[in-house]
Amino acid sequence: MQTDSFFVTGMQCGGCPIKLSLALRMLSGVDDVQISLASGEVTIVYDPALVSPERIQEAVIRTGFGTAGIDATNGHDPRPDQCG
């Protein structure tokens, strides 16, 4: 297992880390995900034989958040019934 940490942009409410965590946990090989809304830091434990850092970053971007110089798109949905 490997542990990596990185920063994510675009998270604005308590539902955003939940949304991102669910997306990352769906990747084969991901064992644990910890996300801080306050700092934007994501710590992920994964099996590098099953999932690459590039795939993890792609999942973050597909979910609508930004990372590593890539701007967030629309990961946060401000409608109360849609966010989280």
Protein backbone atom coordinates (compact mmCIF):
# COMPACT_ATOMS: atom_id res chain seq x y z
CA MET A 1 0.00 0.00 0.00
CA GLN A 2 1.07 3.55 -0.72
CA THR A 3 -0.08 6.77 0.95
CA ASP A 4 -0.17 10.07 -0.95
CA SER A 5 -1.48 13.51 -0.02
CA PHE A 6 -2.49 16.31 -2.36
CA PHE A 7 -4.68 19.40 -2.38
CA VAL A 8 -8.08 19.74 -4.02
CA THR A 9 -9.83 22.97 -4.95
CA GLY A 10 -13.52 23.68 -5.35
CA MET A 11 -14.85 22.10 -2.15
CA GLN A 12 -17.25 24.54 -0.49
CA CYS A 13 -19.52 22.66 1.89
CA GLY A 14 -19.63 19.56 4.06
CA GLY A 15 -21.11 17.54 1.22
CA CYS A 16 -18.17 18.13 -1.12
CA PRO A 17 -15.69 15.90 0.75
CA ILE A 18 -18.34 13.19 0.98
CA LYS A 19 -18.95 13.36 -2.77
CA LEU A 20 -15.22 13.22 -3.51
CA SER A 21 -14.56 10.45 -1.00
CA LEU A 22 -17.26 8.27 -2.56
CA ALA A 23 -15.80 8.80 -6.03
CA LEU A 24 -12.27 7.93 -4.90
CA ARG A 25 -13.38 4.88 -2.92
CA MET A 26 -15.00 3.48 -6.07
CA LEU A 27 -11.56 3.14 -7.68
CA SER A 28 -10.21 -0.38 -7.54
CA GLY A 29 -7.21 -0.46 -5.20
CA VAL A 30 -8.19 2.47 -2.97
CA ASP A 31 -8.13 1.39 0.67
CA ASP A 32 -8.76 4.63 2.60
CA VAL A 33 -9.53 8.29 1.91
CA GLN A 34 -9.31 11.17 4.38
CA ILE A 35 -10.36 14.67 3.29
CA SER A 36 -10.10 18.00 5.11
CA LEU A 37 -12.62 20.54 3.88
CA ALA A 38 -10.81 23.34 5.73
CA SER A 39 -7.41 22.78 4.12
CA GLY A 40 -8.46 20.97 0.94
CA GLU A 41 -5.96 18.23 1.72
CA VAL A 42 -6.74 14.68 0.60
CA THR A 43 -4.82 11.71 1.96
CA ILE A 44 -5.36 8.46 0.13
CA VAL A 45 -4.09 4.94 0.83
CA TYR A 46 -4.03 2.76 -2.27
CA ASP A 47 -2.42 -0.20 -3.99
CA PRO A 48 -0.19 1.20 -6.77
CA ALA A 49 -0.47 -2.13 -8.61
CA LEU A 50 -4.20 -1.46 -9.06
CA VAL A 51 -4.54 2.30 -9.38
CA SER A 52 -2.13 5.05 -10.38
CA PRO A 53 -1.87 8.62 -9.09
CA GLU A 54 -2.97 9.74 -12.56
CA ARG A 55 -6.21 7.71 -12.28
CA ILE A 56 -6.82 9.20 -8.85
CA GLN A 57 -6.35 12.72 -10.24
CA GLU A 58 -8.68 11.91 -13.14
CA ALA A 59 -11.36 10.81 -10.66
CA VAL A 60 -10.98 14.09 -8.75
CA ILE A 61 -11.39 16.08 -11.97
CA ARG A 62 -14.34 13.97 -13.21
CA THR A 63 -16.06 14.65 -9.90
CA GLY A 64 -15.77 18.38 -10.63
CA PHE A 65 -12.92 19.41 -8.37
CA GLY A 66 -9.47 20.73 -9.21
CA THR A 67 -6.00 19.55 -8.27
CA ALA A 68 -2.33 20.07 -9.14
CA GLY A 69 -2.87 23.27 -11.10
CA ILE A 70 -6.09 22.09 -12.74
CA ASP A 71 -9.01 24.38 -11.86
CA ALA A 72 -12.19 23.07 -10.30
CA THR A 73 -15.20 22.88 -12.59
CA ASN A 74 -18.50 22.37 -10.82
CA GLY A 75 -17.98 19.86 -8.02
CA HIS A 76 -20.01 22.02 -5.65
CA ASP A 77 -23.68 22.29 -6.43
CA PRO A 78 -25.05 25.22 -4.39
CA ARG A 79 -28.61 23.88 -4.40
CA PRO A 80 -29.24 22.55 -0.87
CA ASP A 81 -30.92 19.42 -2.21
CA GLN A 82 -28.01 18.64 -4.55
CA CYS A 83 -24.86 19.37 -2.55
CA GLY A 84 -23.66 16.47 -0.47
